[in-house]
């Protein structure tokens, strides 16, 4: 929004907005309320210290660089999470990661990092990760989602004072969303302060080597090599390559493109077979033939991590935030009728005491 646009929205002259921005004119409470409304922000955000990683990112971008939609949503999420953390709720109290924060410089490093990530999340090294959002939250990475449409970023991550926050574009299908979150976990584990990823799994080692290795990390995390190789040998020996791919992709909840690339880098299939797997689609008949279950959707629409929702609910029950603030923090994912009615509970307690 330009100064002229903001001035028009809050019914002030552009020169007045310029003076406010440059600290040459004070702003009244009513004007600040109008500014917050025009910018779709809470007034409290003007009085909070911004997340250091966000300040660093915006400083590096320069004054003429406009933030994208995912930037603004990620900034809002970071503000919400750090506000809840400032109230010292147990759910969002994270220990420092014991992991090495050195970026992977080789494919082997990326594979080792994927194995180490599973160990940190207390997950078996050869099983599917059924609830990826819950798993990464154990490491302090809170994964949110919102549909920000096609032809935009897949995901972004910001390092907070304690832990980190991630936003995944839920416009993509579930397999791609999980791959995007796995990629963002890689950024988090190596302590990247602020990242926006426009196309995960589409990097070359020559042009963007780190992103390419984090793509490999994401595939290795979701598709552990030994387990996938063993299942491929088992399923392909009993049927064709297509049916084997469908069963493995369903089990590990990945998309076919990710599976094809992983099988190729494991040396399990050649280029022609990988190309055929990439275009394979699971049909209703496949679901019946192979006894597959419809997977639980993850990172669909607008979603928030469970431990974050638990923290907000605790604050409502303890009357440390209002119901209205809780609804705002829940980002439209929680119906007002389901919030704990603390006022009614207190009224009942008073009535019982008097009676």
Protein backbone atom coordinates (compact mmCIF):
# COMPACT_ATOMS: atom_id res chain seq x y z
CA UNK A 1 0.00 0.00 0.00
CA UNK A 2 1.41 3.37 -1.00
CA UNK A 3 1.31 6.47 1.21
CA UNK A 4 -1.40 7.86 -1.06
CA UNK A 5 -3.50 4.71 -0.74
CA UNK A 6 -3.15 4.67 3.04
CA UNK A 7 -3.93 8.38 3.29
CA UNK A 8 -7.11 7.85 1.27
CA UNK A 9 -8.15 4.87 3.42
CA UNK A 10 -7.76 6.78 6.70
CA UNK A 11 -9.02 10.13 5.30
CA UNK A 12 -5.81 12.09 5.84
CA UNK A 13 -3.61 14.04 3.46
CA UNK A 14 -0.66 12.10 2.03
CA UNK A 15 1.79 14.66 3.46
CA UNK A 16 0.38 13.93 6.93
CA UNK A 17 1.01 10.19 6.46
CA UNK A 18 4.53 11.01 5.31
CA UNK A 19 5.16 13.03 8.47
CA UNK A 20 3.77 10.24 10.66
CA UNK A 21 6.03 7.68 8.99
CA UNK A 22 9.06 9.92 9.47
CA UNK A 23 8.28 10.67 13.11
CA UNK A 24 7.54 14.34 12.46
CA UNK A 25 3.91 14.18 13.59
CA UNK A 26 2.25 12.33 16.44
CA UNK A 27 -0.66 10.02 15.72
CA UNK A 28 -3.86 9.96 17.74
CA UNK A 29 -5.43 6.76 19.06
CA UNK A 30 -8.32 7.08 16.63
CA UNK A 31 -5.95 7.58 13.70
CA UNK A 32 -3.91 4.57 14.82
CA UNK A 33 -7.11 2.50 14.93
CA UNK A 34 -7.91 3.60 11.37
CA UNK A 35 -4.38 2.72 10.23
CA UNK A 36 -4.62 -0.72 11.82
CA UNK A 37 -7.97 -1.32 10.10
CA UNK A 38 -6.60 -0.22 6.74
CA UNK A 39 -3.54 -2.46 7.09
CA UNK A 40 -5.58 -5.41 8.43
CA UNK A 41 -3.45 -5.41 11.59
CA UNK A 42 -4.09 -5.36 15.32
CA UNK A 43 -3.25 -2.16 17.16
CA UNK A 44 -1.10 -4.15 19.59
CA UNK A 45 1.28 -4.95 16.74
CA UNK A 46 2.39 -1.30 16.73
CA UNK A 47 3.62 -1.69 20.31
CA UNK A 48 5.29 -5.11 20.08
CA UNK A 49 8.94 -5.74 19.30
CA UNK A 50 8.98 -7.46 15.91
CA UNK A 51 10.59 -10.87 15.45
CA UNK A 52 14.35 -10.33 14.86
CA UNK A 53 14.38 -12.63 11.82
CA UNK A 54 11.61 -10.55 10.25
CA UNK A 55 13.47 -7.30 10.88
CA UNK A 56 16.62 -8.78 9.35
CA UNK A 57 14.71 -10.03 6.31
CA UNK A 58 12.95 -6.75 5.62
CA UNK A 59 16.15 -4.77 6.13
CA UNK A 60 17.93 -6.95 3.59
CA UNK A 61 15.13 -6.50 1.05
CA UNK A 62 15.38 -2.71 0.95
CA UNK A 63 12.67 -0.09 1.24
CA UNK A 64 11.42 -0.48 -2.32
CA UNK A 65 10.66 -4.19 -2.05
CA UNK A 66 7.01 -5.01 -1.41
CA UNK A 67 6.29 -8.06 0.72
CA UNK A 68 4.33 -10.85 -0.93
CA UNK A 69 1.10 -12.24 0.52
CA UNK A 70 2.93 -15.15 2.13
CA UNK A 71 5.37 -12.69 3.74
CA UNK A 72 2.56 -10.77 5.37
CA UNK A 73 0.74 -13.90 6.60
CA UNK A 74 3.98 -15.36 7.96
CA UNK A 75 4.71 -12.10 9.80
CA UNK A 76 1.22 -12.21 11.34
CA UNK A 77 1.69 -15.84 12.41
CA UNK A 78 5.07 -15.03 13.98
CA UNK A 79 3.50 -12.17 15.93
CA UNK A 80 0.66 -14.40 17.18
CA UNK A 81 2.95 -17.25 18.22
CA UNK A 82 5.39 -15.00 20.05
CA UNK A 83 2.50 -13.29 21.84
CA UNK A 84 1.21 -16.66 23.09
CA UNK A 85 4.76 -17.71 24.02
CA UNK A 86 5.21 -14.49 26.00
CA UNK A 87 2.45 -15.70 28.33
CA UNK A 88 4.61 -18.71 29.21
CA UNK A 89 2.27 -21.59 28.42
CA UNK A 90 3.78 -25.05 28.70
CA UNK A 91 2.61 -26.18 25.27
CA UNK A 92 4.82 -23.65 23.49
CA UNK A 93 7.91 -23.91 25.70
CA UNK A 94 10.62 -25.43 23.52
CA UNK A 95 14.13 -26.59 24.31
CA UNK A 96 17.00 -25.60 22.08
CA UNK A 97 17.57 -28.16 19.34
CA UNK A 98 20.50 -30.46 19.99
CA UNK A 99 20.93 -30.88 16.24
CA UNK A 100 23.94 -29.59 14.36
CA UNK A 101 22.99 -26.36 12.56
CA UNK A 102 25.49 -26.91 9.73
CA UNK A 103 23.88 -26.87 6.27
CA UNK A 104 24.31 -30.12 4.30
CA UNK A 105 27.07 -29.80 1.71
CA UNK A 106 26.63 -33.23 0.13
CA UNK A 107 23.80 -35.65 -0.62
CA UNK A 108 25.10 -37.89 2.16
CA UNK A 109 24.87 -34.96 4.58
CA UNK A 110 21.24 -34.45 3.56
CA UNK A 111 20.46 -38.15 4.03
CA UNK A 112 22.14 -38.09 7.46
CA UNK A 113 20.17 -34.98 8.43
CA UNK A 114 16.91 -36.74 7.51
CA UNK A 115 17.85 -39.70 9.66
CA UNK A 116 18.82 -37.40 12.54
CA UNK A 117 15.55 -35.48 12.23
CA UNK A 118 13.59 -38.71 12.68
CA UNK A 119 15.63 -39.51 15.77
CA UNK A 120 14.96 -36.05 17.22
CA UNK A 121 11.21 -36.52 16.61
CA UNK A 122 11.35 -39.99 18.23
CA UNK A 123 10.16 -41.63 15.02
CA UNK A 124 11.16 -45.04 13.66
CA UNK A 125 13.75 -44.82 10.89
CA UNK A 126 11.73 -46.94 8.45
CA UNK A 127 8.06 -46.07 9.04
CA UNK A 128 5.75 -43.49 7.40
CA UNK A 129 5.30 -40.16 9.18
CA UNK A 130 1.52 -40.14 9.47
CA UNK A 131 1.15 -36.81 11.27
CA UNK A 132 3.92 -34.58 10.00
CA UNK A 133 2.54 -31.39 11.56
CA UNK A 134 2.50 -32.94 15.03
CA UNK A 135 5.93 -34.50 14.50
CA UNK A 136 7.71 -31.26 13.53
CA UNK A 137 6.03 -29.43 16.41
CA UNK A 138 8.01 -31.67 18.80
CA UNK A 139 11.10 -29.85 17.54
CA UNK A 140 9.52 -26.43 18.02
CA UNK A 141 8.46 -25.83 14.40
CA UNK A 142 4.78 -24.81 14.29
CA UNK A 143 3.22 -25.52 10.90
CA UNK A 144 0.23 -23.43 9.78
CA UNK A 145 -1.53 -23.56 6.44
CA UNK A 146 -3.61 -21.24 4.30
CA UNK A 147 -4.77 -21.34 0.70
CA UNK A 148 -2.97 -18.44 -0.95
CA UNK A 149 -3.74 -19.64 -4.45
CA UNK A 150 -1.77 -20.99 -7.42
CA UNK A 151 1.31 -19.46 -9.00
CA UNK A 152 2.70 -18.28 -5.68
CA UNK A 153 4.98 -19.61 -2.97
CA UNK A 154 4.73 -23.18 -1.70
CA UNK A 155 5.82 -22.38 1.85
CA UNK A 156 7.83 -20.11 4.10
CA UNK A 157 9.55 -20.37 7.47
CA UNK A 158 10.64 -17.84 10.06
CA UNK A 159 12.92 -18.48 13.02
CA UNK A 160 11.38 -17.17 16.25
CA UNK A 161 13.05 -16.27 19.52
CA UNK A 162 11.97 -19.74 20.64
CA UNK A 163 11.28 -22.29 17.94
CA UNK A 164 9.98 -21.40 14.52
CA UNK A 165 6.81 -20.91 12.48
CA UNK A 166 6.03 -22.24 9.03
CA UNK A 167 3.26 -21.45 6.54
CA UNK A 168 2.35 -23.98 3.86
CA UNK A 169 0.24 -23.02 0.85
CA UNK A 170 -2.71 -25.41 1.11
CA UNK A 171 -3.71 -24.82 -2.51
CA UNK A 172 -1.48 -27.76 -3.49
CA UNK A 173 -2.50 -31.39 -3.01
CA UNK A 174 -1.69 -33.16 0.26
CA UNK A 175 1.44 -34.92 -1.01
CA UNK A 176 2.96 -31.65 -2.17
CA UNK A 177 1.97 -29.92 1.06
CA UNK A 178 3.73 -32.56 3.13
CA UNK A 179 6.81 -32.31 0.90
CA UNK A 180 6.82 -28.53 1.35
CA UNK A 181 6.65 -28.88 5.15
CA UNK A 182 9.46 -31.45 5.13
CA UNK A 183 11.57 -29.01 3.07
CA UNK A 184 10.83 -26.21 5.55
CA UNK A 185 11.89 -28.47 8.41
CA UNK A 186 15.27 -28.67 6.71
CA UNK A 187 15.55 -24.87 6.74
CA UNK A 188 14.55 -24.84 10.40
CA UNK A 189 17.08 -27.50 11.39
CA UNK A 190 19.95 -25.51 9.88
CA UNK A 191 18.67 -22.30 11.52
CA UNK A 192 17.83 -20.33 8.37
CA UNK A 193 16.32 -17.13 9.75
CA UNK A 194 13.76 -16.49 7.02
CA UNK A 195 12.98 -18.40 3.86
CA UNK A 196 10.28 -18.32 1.20
CA UNK A 197 10.21 -21.32 -1.14
CA UNK A 198 8.42 -20.83 -4.42
CA UNK A 199 8.91 -24.30 -5.87
CA UNK A 200 10.05 -27.14 -3.66
CA UNK A 201 11.52 -30.17 -5.42
CA UNK A 202 12.38 -28.07 -8.46
CA UNK A 203 15.97 -27.01 -7.79
CA UNK A 204 19.17 -28.02 -9.49
CA UNK A 205 22.41 -28.62 -7.63
CA UNK A 206 24.19 -26.27 -10.04
CA UNK A 207 21.99 -23.20 -9.59
CA UNK A 208 20.78 -23.54 -5.98
CA UNK A 209 22.80 -26.31 -4.31
CA UNK A 210 21.48 -25.82 -0.77
CA UNK A 211 17.84 -25.87 -1.89
CA UNK A 212 18.57 -28.96 -3.97
CA UNK A 213 20.02 -30.74 -0.94
CA UNK A 214 17.06 -29.72 1.21
CA UNK A 215 14.78 -31.14 -1.49
CA UNK A 216 16.74 -34.39 -1.13
CA UNK A 217 16.44 -34.12 2.67
CA UNK A 218 12.65 -33.77 2.37
CA UNK A 219 12.33 -36.84 0.14
CA UNK A 220 14.63 -38.87 2.39
CA UNK A 221 12.66 -37.81 5.46
CA UNK A 222 9.31 -38.88 4.00
CA UNK A 223 10.62 -41.91 2.07
CA UNK A 224 13.39 -43.67 4.08
CA UNK A 225 15.64 -45.50 1.63
CA UNK A 226 15.83 -49.01 3.10
CA UNK A 227 12.10 -49.26 3.77
CA UNK A 228 11.10 -47.95 0.34
CA UNK A 229 13.58 -50.21 -1.46
CA UNK A 230 12.35 -53.28 0.44
CA UNK A 231 8.70 -52.48 -0.28
CA UNK A 232 9.45 -51.85 -3.95
CA UNK A 233 11.10 -55.25 -4.25
CA UNK A 234 8.14 -56.88 -2.51
CA UNK A 235 5.33 -55.12 -4.35
CA UNK A 236 6.89 -55.05 -7.83
CA UNK A 237 7.67 -58.78 -7.71
CA UNK A 238 3.99 -59.48 -7.12
CA UNK A 239 2.63 -57.07 -9.73
CA UNK A 240 3.50 -54.26 -12.13
CA UNK A 241 5.45 -51.09 -11.41
CA UNK A 242 2.32 -48.94 -11.40
CA UNK A 243 0.58 -50.94 -8.67
CA UNK A 244 3.78 -51.04 -6.59
CA UNK A 245 4.12 -47.26 -6.86
CA UNK A 246 0.49 -46.65 -5.89
CA UNK A 247 0.81 -48.82 -2.78
CA UNK A 248 4.05 -47.16 -1.64
CA UNK A 249 2.82 -43.62 -2.34
CA UNK A 250 -0.36 -44.33 -0.37
CA UNK A 251 1.53 -45.84 2.55
CA UNK A 252 3.98 -42.94 2.87
CA UNK A 253 1.48 -40.24 1.81
CA UNK A 254 3.56 -38.68 -0.95
CA UNK A 255 2.71 -37.62 -4.48
CA UNK A 256 3.83 -39.67 -7.46
CA UNK A 257 6.40 -37.13 -8.65
CA UNK A 258 8.15 -37.26 -5.28
CA UNK A 259 8.07 -41.06 -5.20
CA UNK A 260 9.39 -41.33 -8.78
CA UNK A 261 12.31 -39.04 -8.02
CA UNK A 262 13.13 -40.86 -4.78
CA UNK A 263 13.06 -44.29 -6.47
CA UNK A 264 15.32 -42.92 -9.20
CA UNK A 265 17.91 -41.53 -6.77
CA UNK A 266 17.85 -44.80 -4.81
CA UNK A 267 18.73 -46.62 -8.04
CA UNK A 268 15.58 -48.74 -7.83
CA UNK A 269 14.14 -47.71 -11.23
CA UNK A 270 15.53 -46.24 -14.41
CA UNK A 271 14.50 -42.99 -16.07
CA UNK A 272 11.76 -44.53 -18.22
CA UNK A 273 10.14 -46.29 -15.27
CA UNK A 274 10.34 -43.12 -13.18
CA UNK A 275 8.58 -41.17 -15.94
CA UNK A 276 5.73 -43.72 -15.97
CA UNK A 277 5.40 -43.60 -12.18
CA UNK A 278 5.29 -39.82 -12.25
CA UNK A 279 2.13 -39.80 -14.39
CA UNK A 280 0.38 -42.65 -12.56
CA UNK A 281 -2.87 -41.77 -10.78
CA UNK A 282 -4.67 -43.68 -8.04
CA UNK A 283 -8.20 -44.70 -9.00
CA UNK A 284 -11.14 -45.80 -6.89
CA UNK A 285 -10.59 -49.32 -8.20
CA UNK A 286 -7.00 -49.17 -6.92
CA UNK A 287 -8.27 -48.22 -3.47
CA UNK A 288 -10.47 -51.32 -3.41
CA UNK A 289 -8.00 -53.70 -5.08
CA UNK A 290 -5.11 -52.85 -2.74
CA UNK A 291 -7.16 -52.25 0.41
CA UNK A 292 -6.03 -48.63 0.64
CA UNK A 293 -7.59 -46.18 3.07
CA UNK A 294 -8.45 -42.60 2.22
CA UNK A 295 -5.65 -40.64 3.95
CA UNK A 296 -6.47 -38.11 6.62
CA UNK A 297 -6.06 -34.65 5.15
CA UNK A 298 -3.18 -32.62 6.53
CA UNK A 299 -2.50 -28.91 6.13
CA UNK A 300 -5.84 -28.46 4.39
CA UNK A 301 -7.45 -25.03 4.01
CA UNK A 302 -6.58 -22.80 6.95
CA UNK A 303 -5.13 -24.91 9.74
CA UNK A 304 -3.16 -24.42 12.93
CA UNK A 305 -0.96 -26.89 14.85
CA UNK A 306 -2.65 -28.75 17.69
CA UNK A 307 -0.21 -27.66 20.41
CA UNK A 308 -0.74 -24.01 19.44
CA UNK A 309 -4.54 -24.46 19.69
CA UNK A 310 -4.09 -26.14 23.09
CA UNK A 311 -2.02 -23.19 24.31
CA UNK A 312 -4.68 -20.68 23.22
CA UNK A 313 -7.47 -22.70 24.86
CA UNK A 314 -5.47 -22.85 28.10
CA UNK A 315 -5.13 -19.05 28.09
CA UNK A 316 -8.90 -18.65 27.63
CA UNK A 317 -9.68 -21.08 30.48
CA UNK A 318 -7.23 -19.27 32.74
CA UNK A 319 -8.83 -15.94 31.74
CA UNK A 320 -5.51 -14.55 30.56
CA UNK A 321 -6.89 -13.62 27.14
CA UNK A 322 -10.40 -12.79 25.99
CA UNK A 323 -12.56 -15.05 23.87
CA UNK A 324 -12.35 -12.46 21.10
CA UNK A 325 -8.55 -12.51 21.17
CA UNK A 326 -8.59 -16.31 21.18
CA UNK A 327 -10.74 -16.39 18.04
CA UNK A 328 -8.30 -14.02 16.39
CA UNK A 329 -5.33 -16.18 17.39
CA UNK A 330 -7.11 -19.30 16.09
CA UNK A 331 -7.17 -17.67 12.64
CA UNK A 332 -10.75 -18.61 11.83
CA UNK A 333 -10.30 -22.33 12.49
CA UNK A 334 -12.32 -22.48 15.71
CA UNK A 335 -16.08 -21.81 16.11
CA UNK A 336 -16.91 -19.29 18.82
CA UNK A 337 -19.56 -21.59 20.26
CA UNK A 338 -16.90 -24.20 21.06
CA UNK A 339 -14.71 -21.86 23.10
CA UNK A 340 -14.82 -22.39 26.88
CA UNK A 341 -17.45 -20.06 28.36
CA UNK A 342 -15.41 -18.79 31.30
CA UNK A 343 -17.96 -16.12 32.20
CA UNK A 344 -20.75 -18.67 32.55
CA UNK A 345 -18.52 -20.94 34.62
CA UNK A 346 -17.67 -18.11 36.99
CA UNK A 347 -21.35 -17.17 37.28
CA UNK A 348 -22.18 -20.78 38.19
CA UNK A 349 -19.38 -20.83 40.78
CA UNK A 350 -20.67 -17.63 42.39
CA UNK A 351 -24.24 -18.95 42.39
CA UNK A 352 -23.16 -22.25 43.96
CA UNK A 353 -21.16 -20.36 46.60
CA UNK A 354 -24.11 -18.12 47.48
CA UNK A 355 -26.54 -21.04 47.51
